[in-house]
Amino acid sequence: MVAMKLLLIALLILQCGLARSAGQNRFILQGPKFNKGLVSDGINESHLMDWPKMFLTDLESVESISSSGECEQTYGFLPCTKTVVGNLFLLGVYGFLMFKAAAFLSDGSELLLSVMGPGIVGGLFLPVLGALPDTLLIFVSGISGSKETAQQQVLIGMGLLAGSTVMLLTALWGSCIVVGKCDLNEASEAIDSQDTKGLSLYGSGVTVDESTRKSSWIMVATIFPFIIAQIPLIFNLKSGKHASVLVACIVALLSLLGYCVFQIMQPWVQRRRFAFLKHRHIISSILAMHHKRYGGLVKDNGEPDDNVIHKVFKELDADEDGFLTKGELRGLIVGLEINAVEDEIAATVDRVMTDLDVNPDGKLTKDEFTNGMCKWIEIATRTVGPSNQDSIVPNFHRKSKEELDALMDNDEESATVENKFKVYLKAVLLLLGGAVIAGVFADPLVDAVDNFSDATNIPSFFISFIAMPFATNSSEAISALIFASRKRKRTASLTFSEIYGAVTMNNTLCLGVFLAIVYVRGLDWNFSAEVLVILVVIIVTGLMGSIYTTFKLWISSIGFLMYPLSLVIVYVLDFVLGWS
């Protein structure tokens, strides 16, 4: 299936090349400058009068442009044109190919993740491969041609960088709230899979977890390279622009390294968190069982009831020797009915003994057990907050179970892969195919944008700002919307985390490459309007993401409004006030 897709794309490229060859024969006849010594193909000026007027006009425009110089074919053979319609067609073809490249990279990364698991794959390969199409387009926009050409084409790279960030945090961010909305309960939390309130602006929305909030904080923290690069412009300094670009580039790439290390460490952190929540659930289960059996472990004043705790100790001390051994604690853990295997039960007993045994001699005195139970009750009180003494322990048990279930659901392992070799092969083919397509067609797409800009007099920045992000980020957008449509807290958290992660890669990898090109080629950093738009969108969306875990439906309107507002801001600052 993968090979068939790559073959179809190759055929499409060949067809475009053949069409270009045929088109060249037709255009050769139209300019007297190019007619000398050439053989006619049978089509002359009189035949053209039979064509529709619109096609005749288009050919005349091509003849006029050709008289001043033909377009330059990328790699010497790919199709090119100076006409509006022709470049629009090429934008569609090359944009589609970049979309397929992004889709292949995404699918290949997910397959690789399914057989290798998180860590290096999920923390390093997936973020980098997801940003590869944008990175290549930014790279080729400023690396080829003379310095003057690079200075003009680098606007395409900045347009893509700004447009990608703005699209992800405005149109896609708002759409995910609308698609993923669920009914909100009295605590303003979304109820999984329940969507009965329609377009209620305050009664429906999405809820994400704490990890998603952290992702938004990380995203906001990566705006510093933009600010560093802008310092000479902010303070109107006559020198230091080149140095500030270098420093910003270094900061961006170091931020990328730090982000990748953090992502690689995430599975380890997640396992530590799972162990912590599992142990806390054991504690809450022990308290809940004896709270129910003895009618309460907490006095009316909120303090632990030592008398009840002494009764618990006496009940567990089967041999009545005044100590609790691991064997007696094992009976307590088995009585909880936690459905654990023998190794897990033994590990749980060791953990409880370590938690309570102040004098590590392998047995618990009545005082050690009492003090330990009191500490557990204090933890329960702090966790659930102010509450009736009879509901402290039950609420603590309920909350610990909900958090443990949510984490287990979030870390649910994929089904066992039976034939790993086939999965590896398919993943490698998809990744290679996506990388090759992105690498080959990044430069032609940039040239098509530049030629379309010349033909229409539309600034190349706006073409790359609006059109190119939809080509390079379409697969991420579709994936995010599919996850959001499942209307669960877990999938909503995954959706928004992916959006924040994609913007983080824009602010580190893509920006780092862009700044490196500007520095190495000695280009001018003069993108104040674009940087302002990026900062405004990231700060507004990031602050909302770091403050709220529930986005009510009305918040989506902020995202939708920021997209056209961003275009207006850039236009006014650059083309009315002359910032550039």
Protein backbone atom coordinates (compact mmCIF):
# COMPACT_ATOMS: atom_id res chain seq x y z
CA MET A 1 0.00 0.00 0.00
CA VAL A 2 2.84 2.37 0.84
CA ALA A 3 4.68 1.50 -2.36
CA MET A 4 1.51 2.11 -4.38
CA LYS A 5 1.11 5.58 -2.87
CA LEU A 6 4.71 6.47 -3.64
CA LEU A 7 4.28 5.15 -7.21
CA LEU A 8 1.17 7.28 -7.72
CA ILE A 9 3.05 10.36 -6.56
CA ALA A 10 5.92 9.57 -8.94
CA LEU A 11 3.46 9.24 -11.82
CA LEU A 12 1.91 12.58 -10.88
CA ILE A 13 5.34 14.21 -10.95
CA LEU A 14 6.07 12.65 -14.37
CA GLN A 15 2.75 13.88 -15.70
CA CYS A 16 3.54 17.41 -14.55
CA GLY A 17 6.94 17.17 -16.28
CA LEU A 18 5.35 16.00 -19.52
CA ALA A 19 2.81 18.77 -19.33
CA ARG A 20 5.63 21.24 -18.90
CA SER A 21 7.44 19.85 -21.95
CA ALA A 22 4.30 20.16 -24.07
CA GLY A 23 3.75 23.66 -22.77
CA GLN A 24 7.27 24.69 -23.73
CA ASN A 25 6.66 23.80 -27.40
CA ARG A 26 3.60 26.00 -27.48
CA PHE A 27 5.29 28.99 -25.83
CA ILE A 28 8.33 28.77 -28.12
CA LEU A 29 6.18 29.71 -31.11
CA GLN A 30 4.70 32.78 -29.52
CA GLY A 31 7.72 34.99 -29.19
CA PRO A 32 9.59 36.12 -32.28
CA LYS A 33 12.69 36.31 -30.10
CA PHE A 34 12.65 32.53 -29.79
CA ASN A 35 11.46 31.54 -33.29
CA LYS A 36 14.76 31.60 -35.17
CA GLY A 37 15.86 28.20 -36.39
CA LEU A 38 12.94 26.40 -34.78
CA VAL A 39 10.44 24.07 -36.44
CA SER A 40 6.76 24.87 -36.04
CA ASP A 41 4.46 22.33 -34.44
CA GLY A 42 1.64 23.34 -36.74
CA ILE A 43 0.04 25.90 -34.51
CA ASN A 44 0.36 29.52 -35.64
CA GLU A 45 -1.09 32.91 -34.79
CA SER A 46 -4.20 32.44 -36.99
CA HIS A 47 -5.20 29.28 -35.15
CA LEU A 48 -5.07 31.06 -31.85
CA MET A 49 -8.00 33.30 -32.87
CA ASP A 50 -10.25 30.27 -32.53
CA TRP A 51 -9.34 29.83 -28.86
CA PRO A 52 -11.45 31.35 -26.09
CA LYS A 53 -10.44 34.89 -25.35
CA MET A 54 -9.33 34.11 -21.81
CA PHE A 55 -6.76 31.56 -23.00
CA LEU A 56 -5.50 33.95 -25.69
CA THR A 57 -5.04 36.65 -23.08
CA ASP A 58 -3.16 34.23 -20.87
CA LEU A 59 -0.82 33.24 -23.67
CA GLU A 60 -0.13 36.88 -24.52
CA SER A 61 0.82 37.51 -20.91
CA VAL A 62 3.19 34.54 -21.03
CA GLU A 63 4.75 35.86 -24.25
CA SER A 64 5.29 39.24 -22.61
CA ILE A 65 6.97 37.68 -19.61
CA SER A 66 9.01 35.30 -21.74
CA SER A 67 10.40 38.19 -23.74
CA SER A 68 12.05 39.50 -20.58
CA GLY A 69 13.23 36.09 -19.36
CA GLU A 70 11.87 32.59 -18.83
CA CYS A 71 11.27 31.11 -15.39
CA GLU A 72 14.01 28.96 -13.93
CA GLN A 73 13.16 25.29 -13.61
CA THR A 74 13.94 23.77 -10.24
CA TYR A 75 16.59 21.05 -10.59
CA GLY A 76 16.59 21.88 -14.30
CA PHE A 77 13.58 19.74 -15.18
CA LEU A 78 10.61 20.36 -12.86
CA PRO A 79 7.78 22.40 -14.38
CA CYS A 80 7.68 26.16 -13.87
CA THR A 81 5.68 29.06 -15.23
CA LYS A 82 5.25 32.81 -14.83
CA THR A 83 1.45 32.79 -15.15
CA VAL A 84 -1.03 33.13 -12.32
CA VAL A 85 -3.01 30.02 -13.27
CA GLY A 86 0.10 27.93 -13.82
CA ASN A 87 1.66 28.83 -10.48
CA LEU A 88 -1.66 28.31 -8.73
CA PHE A 89 -1.72 24.79 -10.19
CA LEU A 90 1.88 24.17 -9.10
CA LEU A 91 1.10 25.45 -5.60
CA GLY A 92 -1.70 22.91 -5.41
CA VAL A 93 0.48 20.04 -6.68
CA TYR A 94 3.51 20.82 -4.53
CA GLY A 95 1.30 21.61 -1.55
CA PHE A 96 -0.42 18.23 -1.93
CA LEU A 97 2.95 16.49 -2.10
CA MET A 98 4.10 18.25 1.08
CA PHE A 99 0.83 17.19 2.72
CA LYS A 100 1.50 13.57 1.74
CA ALA A 101 5.06 13.88 3.04
CA ALA A 102 3.76 15.08 6.40
CA ALA A 103 1.17 12.29 6.45
CA PHE A 104 3.79 9.62 5.66
CA LEU A 105 6.07 10.94 8.39
CA SER A 106 3.21 10.99 10.89
CA ASP A 107 2.03 7.46 10.05
CA GLY A 108 5.55 6.07 10.07
CA SER A 109 6.29 7.68 13.43
CA GLU A 110 3.16 6.21 14.99
CA LEU A 111 4.02 2.74 13.69
CA LEU A 112 7.53 3.03 15.06
CA LEU A 113 6.13 4.15 18.39
CA SER A 114 3.81 1.12 18.50
CA VAL A 115 6.72 -1.34 18.38
CA MET A 116 9.47 0.61 20.17
CA GLY A 117 7.44 2.47 22.76
CA PRO A 118 8.07 5.98 24.08
CA GLY A 119 11.41 7.36 25.21
CA ILE A 120 13.84 8.04 22.37
CA VAL A 121 11.15 7.49 19.71
CA GLY A 122 8.39 9.47 21.34
CA GLY A 123 10.67 12.11 22.82
CA LEU A 124 13.08 12.75 19.98
CA PHE A 125 12.02 11.26 16.65
CA LEU A 126 8.32 12.13 16.71
CA PRO A 127 8.67 15.86 17.46
CA VAL A 128 11.55 16.30 14.99
CA LEU A 129 9.87 14.33 12.20
CA GLY A 130 6.61 16.19 12.74
CA ALA A 131 8.41 19.51 12.19
CA LEU A 132 10.54 18.23 9.28
CA PRO A 133 8.38 19.59 6.38
CA ASP A 134 8.24 23.09 7.89
CA THR A 135 11.95 22.96 8.70
CA LEU A 136 12.93 22.00 5.16
CA LEU A 137 10.74 24.71 3.64
CA ILE A 138 12.27 27.30 5.95
CA PHE A 139 15.75 26.02 5.14
CA VAL A 140 15.41 26.17 1.35
CA SER A 141 13.70 29.58 1.50
CA GLY A 142 16.94 31.27 2.50
CA ILE A 143 19.74 28.96 1.44
CA SER A 144 19.64 29.25 -2.36
CA GLY A 145 20.41 32.09 -4.75
CA SER A 146 22.19 35.35 -4.15
CA LYS A 147 21.99 37.27 -0.90
CA GLU A 148 19.36 39.59 -2.41
CA THR A 149 17.28 36.61 -3.59
CA ALA A 150 17.61 34.93 -0.21
CA GLN A 151 16.51 38.13 1.56
CA GLN A 152 13.38 38.16 -0.59
CA GLN A 153 12.61 34.44 -0.31
CA VAL A 154 13.27 34.29 3.41
CA LEU A 155 9.94 36.11 3.82
CA ILE A 156 8.36 32.84 2.70
CA GLY A 157 10.09 31.04 5.56
CA MET A 158 8.95 33.60 8.10
CA GLY A 159 5.44 33.51 6.65
CA LEU A 160 5.33 29.73 7.06
CA LEU A 161 6.70 29.93 10.61
CA ALA A 162 4.22 32.59 11.67
CA GLY A 163 1.32 31.08 9.74
CA SER A 164 1.88 27.61 11.14
CA THR A 165 1.94 28.86 14.74
CA VAL A 166 -1.07 31.09 14.25
CA MET A 167 -3.12 28.40 12.50
CA LEU A 168 -2.40 25.80 15.20
CA LEU A 169 -3.24 28.13 18.10
CA THR A 170 -6.26 29.85 16.57
CA ALA A 171 -8.29 27.99 13.94
CA LEU A 172 -7.28 24.46 15.02
CA TRP A 173 -7.28 25.23 18.76
CA GLY A 174 -10.77 26.71 18.56
CA SER A 175 -12.05 23.91 16.31
CA CYS A 176 -10.87 21.27 18.79
CA ILE A 177 -12.92 22.93 21.54
CA VAL A 178 -16.02 22.89 19.33
CA VAL A 179 -15.52 19.32 18.11
CA GLY A 180 -14.54 17.92 21.50
CA LYS A 181 -17.07 19.74 23.69
CA CYS A 182 -19.01 17.80 26.34
CA ASP A 183 -21.55 18.78 28.97
CA LEU A 184 -20.00 20.43 32.04
CA ASN A 185 -20.94 19.32 35.55
CA GLU A 186 -21.38 21.56 38.60
CA ALA A 187 -17.60 21.63 39.11
CA SER A 188 -17.18 22.91 35.52
CA GLU A 189 -15.56 19.68 34.37
CA ALA A 190 -16.47 17.95 31.12
CA ILE A 191 -18.46 14.73 31.41
CA ASP A 192 -16.94 12.11 29.11
CA SER A 193 -19.02 11.18 26.03
CA GLN A 194 -21.99 13.31 27.11
CA ASP A 195 -22.93 16.13 24.75
CA THR A 196 -26.59 17.08 25.19
CA LYS A 197 -26.42 20.87 25.67
CA GLY A 198 -25.71 21.72 22.04
CA LEU A 199 -23.94 25.04 21.53
CA SER A 200 -24.25 26.16 25.15
CA LEU A 201 -21.46 28.71 25.54
CA TYR A 202 -21.11 28.16 29.29
CA GLY A 203 -22.64 24.71 29.76
CA SER A 204 -20.33 22.76 27.46
CA GLY A 205 -16.59 22.58 26.84
CA VAL A 206 -13.52 20.37 27.14
CA THR A 207 -11.40 19.44 30.16
CA VAL A 208 -7.69 18.56 30.01
CA ASP A 209 -5.28 17.15 32.58
CA GLU A 210 -2.39 18.76 34.46
CA SER A 211 0.21 17.46 31.99
CA THR A 212 -1.46 19.49 29.26
CA ARG A 213 -1.17 22.61 31.38
CA LYS A 214 2.54 21.95 31.74
CA SER A 215 2.81 21.62 27.95
CA SER A 216 1.34 25.10 27.57
CA TRP A 217 3.85 26.50 30.07
CA ILE A 218 6.70 24.95 28.11
CA MET A 219 5.33 26.43 24.89
CA VAL A 220 5.19 29.93 26.37
CA ALA A 221 8.73 29.57 27.74
CA THR A 222 10.10 28.97 24.22
CA ILE A 223 9.25 32.50 23.01
CA PHE A 224 12.52 33.90 24.42
CA PRO A 225 14.56 33.40 21.21
CA PHE A 226 12.09 35.70 19.40
CA ILE A 227 12.52 38.34 22.09
CA ILE A 228 16.33 38.06 22.04
CA ALA A 229 16.44 38.54 18.26
CA GLN A 230 14.22 41.63 18.61
CA ILE A 231 16.28 43.40 21.30
CA PRO A 232 18.27 45.65 18.88
CA LEU A 233 15.04 46.65 17.13
CA ILE A 234 13.18 47.25 20.38
CA PHE A 235 15.87 49.60 21.69
CA ASN A 236 16.72 51.01 18.24
CA LEU A 237 20.37 49.92 18.50
CA LYS A 238 22.58 50.59 15.49
CA SER A 239 24.80 47.59 16.19
CA GLY A 240 24.41 44.16 17.64
CA LYS A 241 21.72 42.88 15.27
CA HIS A 242 23.91 40.12 13.90
CA ALA A 243 25.07 39.07 17.37
CA SER A 244 21.53 39.01 18.74
CA VAL A 245 20.49 36.67 15.91
CA LEU A 246 23.35 34.31 16.81
CA VAL A 247 22.47 34.35 20.51
CA ALA A 248 18.79 33.76 19.71
CA CYS A 249 19.75 30.85 17.44
CA ILE A 250 21.84 29.23 20.19
CA VAL A 251 19.04 29.69 22.74
CA ALA A 252 16.49 28.18 20.34
CA LEU A 253 18.63 25.10 19.65
CA LEU A 254 19.44 24.65 23.35
CA SER A 255 15.72 24.89 24.08
CA LEU A 256 15.15 22.19 21.46
CA LEU A 257 17.73 19.97 23.16
CA GLY A 258 16.14 20.56 26.57
CA TYR A 259 12.66 19.85 25.23
CA CYS A 260 13.77 16.59 23.62
CA VAL A 261 15.52 15.47 26.81
CA PHE A 262 12.38 16.30 28.78
CA GLN A 263 10.26 14.28 26.34
CA ILE A 264 12.67 11.34 26.54
CA MET A 265 12.49 11.43 30.33
CA GLN A 266 8.70 11.61 30.32
CA PRO A 267 8.13 7.82 30.38
CA TRP A 268 10.39 7.53 33.42
CA VAL A 269 8.59 10.40 35.13
CA GLN A 270 5.27 8.80 34.20
CA ARG A 271 6.32 5.48 35.72
CA ARG A 272 7.37 7.26 38.91
CA ARG A 273 4.02 9.04 39.01
CA PHE A 274 2.19 5.76 38.44
CA ALA A 275 4.05 4.14 41.35
CA PHE A 276 3.23 7.13 43.56
CA LEU A 277 -0.48 7.09 42.71
CA LYS A 278 -0.67 3.33 43.12
CA HIS A 279 0.88 3.52 46.58
CA ARG A 280 -1.44 6.37 47.55
CA HIS A 281 -4.39 4.30 46.38
CA ILE A 282 -3.23 1.44 48.64
CA ILE A 283 -3.07 3.88 51.56
CA SER A 284 -6.54 5.23 50.80
CA SER A 285 -7.90 1.68 50.51
CA ILE A 286 -6.48 0.73 53.92
CA LEU A 287 -8.00 3.83 55.49
CA ALA A 288 -11.34 3.36 53.71
CA MET A 289 -11.65 -0.29 54.76
CA HIS A 290 -11.10 0.44 58.45
CA HIS A 291 -13.09 3.67 58.33
CA LYS A 292 -16.07 1.64 57.18
CA ARG A 293 -15.44 -1.20 59.64
CA TYR A 294 -15.05 1.00 62.75
CA GLY A 295 -17.38 3.85 61.83
CA GLY A 296 -14.62 6.42 61.33
CA LEU A 297 -10.95 7.15 61.87
CA VAL A 298 -11.33 10.90 62.45
CA LYS A 299 -12.70 12.71 65.50
CA ASP A 300 -15.26 15.51 65.36
CA ASN A 301 -12.45 18.07 65.58
CA GLY A 302 -10.77 16.60 62.48
CA GLU A 303 -7.92 14.93 64.40
CA PRO A 304 -7.06 11.21 63.92
CA ASP A 305 -8.77 8.93 66.45
CA ASP A 306 -5.93 7.08 68.22
CA ASN A 307 -8.33 4.67 69.96
CA VAL A 308 -9.70 3.41 66.66
CA ILE A 309 -6.19 3.11 65.21
CA HIS A 310 -5.17 0.99 68.25
CA LYS A 311 -8.12 -1.31 67.53
CA VAL A 312 -6.90 -1.71 63.96
CA PHE A 313 -3.41 -2.58 65.20
CA LYS A 314 -4.80 -5.17 67.62
CA GLU A 315 -6.86 -6.74 64.84
CA LEU A 316 -3.84 -7.06 62.55
CA ASP A 317 -1.52 -8.40 65.30
CA ALA A 318 -2.56 -12.02 64.81
CA ASP A 319 0.03 -13.54 67.22
CA GLU A 320 -0.51 -10.75 69.80
CA ASP A 321 3.24 -10.18 70.26
CA GLY A 322 2.89 -6.38 70.07
CA PHE A 323 4.45 -6.13 66.59
CA LEU A 324 3.27 -6.24 63.00
CA THR A 325 5.44 -8.30 60.67
CA LYS A 326 5.48 -8.42 56.87
CA GLY A 327 3.40 -11.60 57.02
CA GLU A 328 0.68 -9.83 59.00
CA LEU A 329 0.80 -6.82 56.66
CA ARG A 330 0.47 -9.22 53.72
CA GLY A 331 -2.87 -10.37 55.11
CA LEU A 332 -3.96 -6.73 55.23
CA ILE A 333 -2.96 -6.10 51.59
CA VAL A 334 -4.60 -9.31 50.34
CA GLY A 335 -7.78 -8.29 52.15
CA LEU A 336 -7.95 -5.14 50.05
CA GLU A 337 -8.71 -7.29 46.96
CA ILE A 338 -6.61 -5.16 44.62
CA ASN A 339 -6.28 -8.00 42.05
CA ALA A 340 -2.48 -7.95 42.10
CA VAL A 341 -0.08 -10.81 41.34
CA GLU A 342 2.23 -12.22 44.01
CA ASP A 343 5.20 -10.02 43.07
CA GLU A 344 3.07 -6.88 43.20
CA ILE A 345 1.67 -7.87 46.61
CA ALA A 346 5.18 -8.44 47.96
CA ALA A 347 6.34 -5.08 46.59
CA THR A 348 3.31 -3.36 48.13
CA VAL A 349 4.00 -4.94 51.53
CA ASP A 350 7.62 -3.77 51.38
CA ARG A 351 6.51 -0.25 50.46
CA VAL A 352 3.99 -0.04 53.34
CA MET A 353 6.55 -1.43 55.80
CA THR A 354 9.15 1.12 54.65
CA ASP A 355 6.55 3.88 54.94
CA LEU A 356 5.71 3.05 58.58
CA ASP A 357 8.86 1.45 60.02
CA VAL A 358 10.72 4.43 61.53
CA ASN A 359 13.30 2.12 63.14
CA PRO A 360 13.98 -0.16 60.15
CA ASP A 361 13.99 -3.49 61.95
CA GLY A 362 11.38 -5.21 59.79
CA LYS A 363 8.51 -4.98 62.29
CA LEU A 364 6.11 -2.28 63.45
CA THR A 365 5.39 -1.26 67.03
CA LYS A 366 2.01 0.12 68.06
CA ASP A 367 3.45 3.65 68.19
CA GLU A 368 5.01 3.35 64.72
CA PHE A 369 1.77 2.06 63.26
CA THR A 370 -0.28 4.77 65.01
CA ASN A 371 2.03 7.60 63.92
CA GLY A 372 2.05 6.27 60.36
CA MET A 373 -1.75 6.05 60.20
CA CYS A 374 -2.01 9.60 61.57
CA LYS A 375 0.31 10.83 58.80
CA TRP A 376 -1.85 9.07 56.21
CA ILE A 377 -4.98 10.72 57.60
CA GLU A 378 -3.24 14.11 57.44
CA ILE A 379 -2.39 13.44 53.79
CA ALA A 380 -6.05 12.59 53.14
CA THR A 381 -7.17 15.82 54.83
CA ARG A 382 -4.78 17.96 52.78
CA THR A 383 -5.76 16.19 49.57
CA VAL A 384 -9.54 16.62 49.83
CA GLY A 385 -9.43 20.00 51.57
CA PRO A 386 -11.97 21.26 54.12
CA SER A 387 -14.59 18.57 54.57
CA ASN A 388 -16.84 16.84 57.07
CA GLN A 389 -14.82 14.44 59.22
CA ASP A 390 -16.98 11.51 58.11
CA SER A 391 -16.28 12.20 54.41
CA ILE A 392 -12.52 12.86 54.53
CA VAL A 393 -11.44 9.23 54.12
CA PRO A 394 -14.14 8.22 51.57
CA ASN A 395 -13.42 11.30 49.44
CA PHE A 396 -9.69 10.64 49.60
CA HIS A 397 -10.24 7.04 48.48
CA ARG A 398 -12.50 8.12 45.61
CA LYS A 399 -10.09 10.79 44.40
CA SER A 400 -7.04 8.51 44.53
CA LYS A 401 -8.90 5.85 42.53
CA GLU A 402 -10.00 8.38 39.88
CA GLU A 403 -6.44 9.71 39.43
CA LEU A 404 -4.97 6.21 39.19
CA ASP A 405 -7.62 5.10 36.67
CA ALA A 406 -7.06 8.22 34.58
CA LEU A 407 -3.30 7.63 34.43
CA MET A 408 -3.74 3.95 33.59
CA ASP A 409 -6.17 4.90 30.83
CA ASN A 410 -3.78 7.53 29.51
CA ASP A 411 -0.86 5.10 29.45
CA GLU A 412 -2.87 2.24 28.02
CA GLU A 413 -0.46 0.08 26.07
CA SER A 414 -1.16 -0.74 22.46
CA ALA A 415 -2.05 -4.24 21.37
CA THR A 416 0.79 -6.70 21.01
CA VAL A 417 2.35 -6.53 17.56
CA GLU A 418 2.57 -10.02 16.08
CA ASN A 419 4.88 -9.37 13.12
CA LYS A 420 7.28 -6.66 14.18
CA PHE A 421 9.44 -7.02 11.07
CA LYS A 422 6.58 -5.99 8.78
CA VAL A 423 5.74 -3.07 11.04
CA TYR A 424 9.38 -1.94 11.09
CA LEU A 425 9.59 -2.24 7.31
CA LYS A 426 6.40 -0.29 6.74
CA ALA A 427 7.46 2.39 9.24
CA VAL A 428 10.87 2.78 7.58
CA LEU A 429 9.30 2.99 4.10
CA LEU A 430 6.84 5.65 5.27
CA LEU A 431 9.54 7.66 7.02
CA LEU A 432 11.95 7.46 4.08
CA GLY A 433 9.20 8.24 1.60
CA GLY A 434 8.00 11.24 3.62
CA ALA A 435 11.53 12.56 4.14
CA VAL A 436 12.44 12.20 0.46
CA ILE A 437 9.23 13.86 -0.76
CA ALA A 438 9.62 16.72 1.71
CA GLY A 439 13.28 17.17 0.80
CA VAL A 440 12.73 17.09 -2.95
CA PHE A 441 9.66 19.32 -3.18
CA ALA A 442 10.42 21.93 -0.52
CA ASP A 443 12.48 24.00 -2.96
CA PRO A 444 9.95 23.81 -5.86
CA LEU A 445 7.16 24.87 -3.50
CA VAL A 446 9.16 27.91 -2.37
CA ASP A 447 9.87 28.80 -6.02
CA ALA A 448 6.17 28.44 -6.88
CA VAL A 449 5.22 30.75 -4.03
CA ASP A 450 7.80 33.29 -5.18
CA ASN A 451 6.63 33.12 -8.82
CA PHE A 452 2.97 33.33 -7.82
CA SER A 453 3.79 36.39 -5.73
CA ASP A 454 5.49 38.03 -8.73
CA ALA A 455 2.59 37.18 -11.04
CA THR A 456 -0.13 38.51 -8.71
CA ASN A 457 1.78 41.25 -6.82
CA ILE A 458 0.58 39.59 -3.59
CA PRO A 459 3.37 39.64 -0.96
CA SER A 460 4.90 36.18 -0.67
CA PHE A 461 4.57 36.42 3.11
CA PHE A 462 0.78 36.28 2.97
CA ILE A 463 0.78 33.37 0.51
CA SER A 464 3.06 31.34 2.77
CA PHE A 465 1.21 32.56 5.89
CA ILE A 466 -2.20 31.38 4.66
CA ALA A 467 -1.66 28.51 2.22
CA MET A 468 1.51 26.65 3.20
CA PRO A 469 0.62 25.82 6.84
CA PHE A 470 -2.48 23.99 5.63
CA ALA A 471 -0.26 21.79 3.46
CA THR A 472 2.42 21.04 6.06
CA ASN A 473 0.13 20.81 9.11
CA SER A 474 -2.97 19.18 7.61
CA SER A 475 -2.13 15.70 8.90
CA GLU A 476 -1.63 17.05 12.44
CA ALA A 477 -4.86 19.02 12.20
CA ILE A 478 -6.88 16.02 11.01
CA SER A 479 -5.38 13.81 13.72
CA ALA A 480 -6.14 16.42 16.40
CA LEU A 481 -9.76 16.79 15.28
CA ILE A 482 -10.27 13.02 15.20
CA PHE A 483 -8.97 12.69 18.75
CA ALA A 484 -11.08 15.64 19.90
CA SER A 485 -14.23 14.10 18.40
CA ARG A 486 -13.97 11.16 20.81
CA LYS A 487 -15.13 13.56 23.55
CA ARG A 488 -13.09 12.28 26.48
CA LYS A 489 -10.76 14.01 28.88
CA ARG A 490 -7.88 11.73 27.90
CA THR A 491 -8.23 12.36 24.16
CA ALA A 492 -8.80 16.10 24.70
CA SER A 493 -5.60 16.24 26.74
CA LEU A 494 -3.72 14.43 23.98
CA THR A 495 -5.15 16.78 21.35
CA PHE A 496 -4.11 20.02 23.03
CA SER A 497 -0.76 18.59 24.13
CA GLU A 498 0.03 17.79 20.48
CA ILE A 499 -0.90 21.33 19.44
CA TYR A 500 1.28 22.89 22.15
CA GLY A 501 4.09 20.47 21.27
CA ALA A 502 3.93 21.39 17.57
CA VAL A 503 4.20 25.10 18.40
CA THR A 504 7.10 24.35 20.75
CA MET A 505 8.93 22.68 17.85
CA ASN A 506 8.21 25.76 15.71
CA ASN A 507 9.77 27.96 18.39
CA THR A 508 12.86 25.78 18.75
CA LEU A 509 13.76 23.66 15.72
CA CYS A 510 12.14 25.73 12.95
CA LEU A 511 13.16 29.07 14.46
CA GLY A 512 16.66 27.79 15.18
CA VAL A 513 17.14 26.80 11.54
CA PHE A 514 15.67 30.11 10.36
CA LEU A 515 17.97 32.14 12.62
CA ALA A 516 20.98 30.07 11.54
CA ILE A 517 20.27 30.89 7.88
CA VAL A 518 19.84 34.59 8.66
CA TYR A 519 23.15 34.63 10.55
CA VAL A 520 25.23 32.54 8.13
CA ARG A 521 24.05 34.40 5.04
CA GLY A 522 24.24 37.82 6.70
CA LEU A 523 20.56 38.59 6.07
CA ASP A 524 18.62 41.35 7.80
CA TRP A 525 16.39 40.42 10.73
CA ASN A 526 13.48 42.74 10.15
CA PHE A 527 10.34 40.86 11.10
CA SER A 528 8.90 42.91 13.95
CA ALA A 529 5.27 42.64 12.82
CA GLU A 530 5.51 38.89 12.31
CA VAL A 531 7.20 38.33 15.66
CA LEU A 532 4.60 40.50 17.41
CA VAL A 533 1.77 38.37 15.99
CA ILE A 534 3.50 35.14 17.03
CA LEU A 535 4.09 36.42 20.57
CA VAL A 536 0.54 37.71 21.01
CA VAL A 537 -1.05 34.45 19.86
CA ILE A 538 1.27 32.24 21.94
CA ILE A 539 0.93 34.34 25.09
CA VAL A 540 -2.87 34.64 24.90
CA THR A 541 -3.45 30.95 24.16
CA GLY A 542 -0.65 29.79 26.44
CA LEU A 543 -1.87 31.77 29.42
CA MET A 544 -5.39 30.40 29.00
CA GLY A 545 -3.95 26.90 28.74
CA SER A 546 -1.82 27.33 31.85
CA ILE A 547 -4.61 28.85 33.96
CA TYR A 548 -7.61 26.74 32.96
CA THR A 549 -8.06 22.99 32.70
CA THR A 550 -11.57 23.45 31.31
CA PHE A 551 -12.21 25.47 28.15
CA LYS A 552 -15.84 26.47 27.91
CA LEU A 553 -17.30 26.71 24.43
CA TRP A 554 -17.23 30.52 24.36
CA ILE A 555 -13.43 30.45 24.65
CA SER A 556 -13.22 28.95 21.16
CA SER A 557 -14.36 32.31 19.75
CA ILE A 558 -11.08 33.84 20.97
CA GLY A 559 -9.14 31.38 18.85
CA PHE A 560 -11.29 31.96 15.76
CA LEU A 561 -11.05 35.75 16.06
CA MET A 562 -7.28 35.78 16.51
CA TYR A 563 -6.66 34.26 13.07
CA PRO A 564 -8.05 37.10 10.89
CA LEU A 565 -6.85 39.62 13.47
CA SER A 566 -3.29 38.33 12.99
CA LEU A 567 -3.48 38.97 9.25
CA VAL A 568 -4.82 42.47 9.82
CA ILE A 569 -2.06 43.28 12.33
CA VAL A 570 0.71 42.18 9.95
CA TYR A 571 -0.83 44.06 7.02
CA VAL A 572 -1.28 47.30 8.97
CA LEU A 573 2.18 47.22 10.58
CA ASP A 574 4.08 46.22 7.45
CA PHE A 575 2.19 47.84 4.60
CA VAL A 576 0.49 50.82 6.25
CA LEU A 577 2.90 51.83 9.00
CA GLY A 578 5.98 50.53 7.16
CA TRP A 579 7.55 48.49 9.95
CA SER A 580 9.41 46.40 7.36
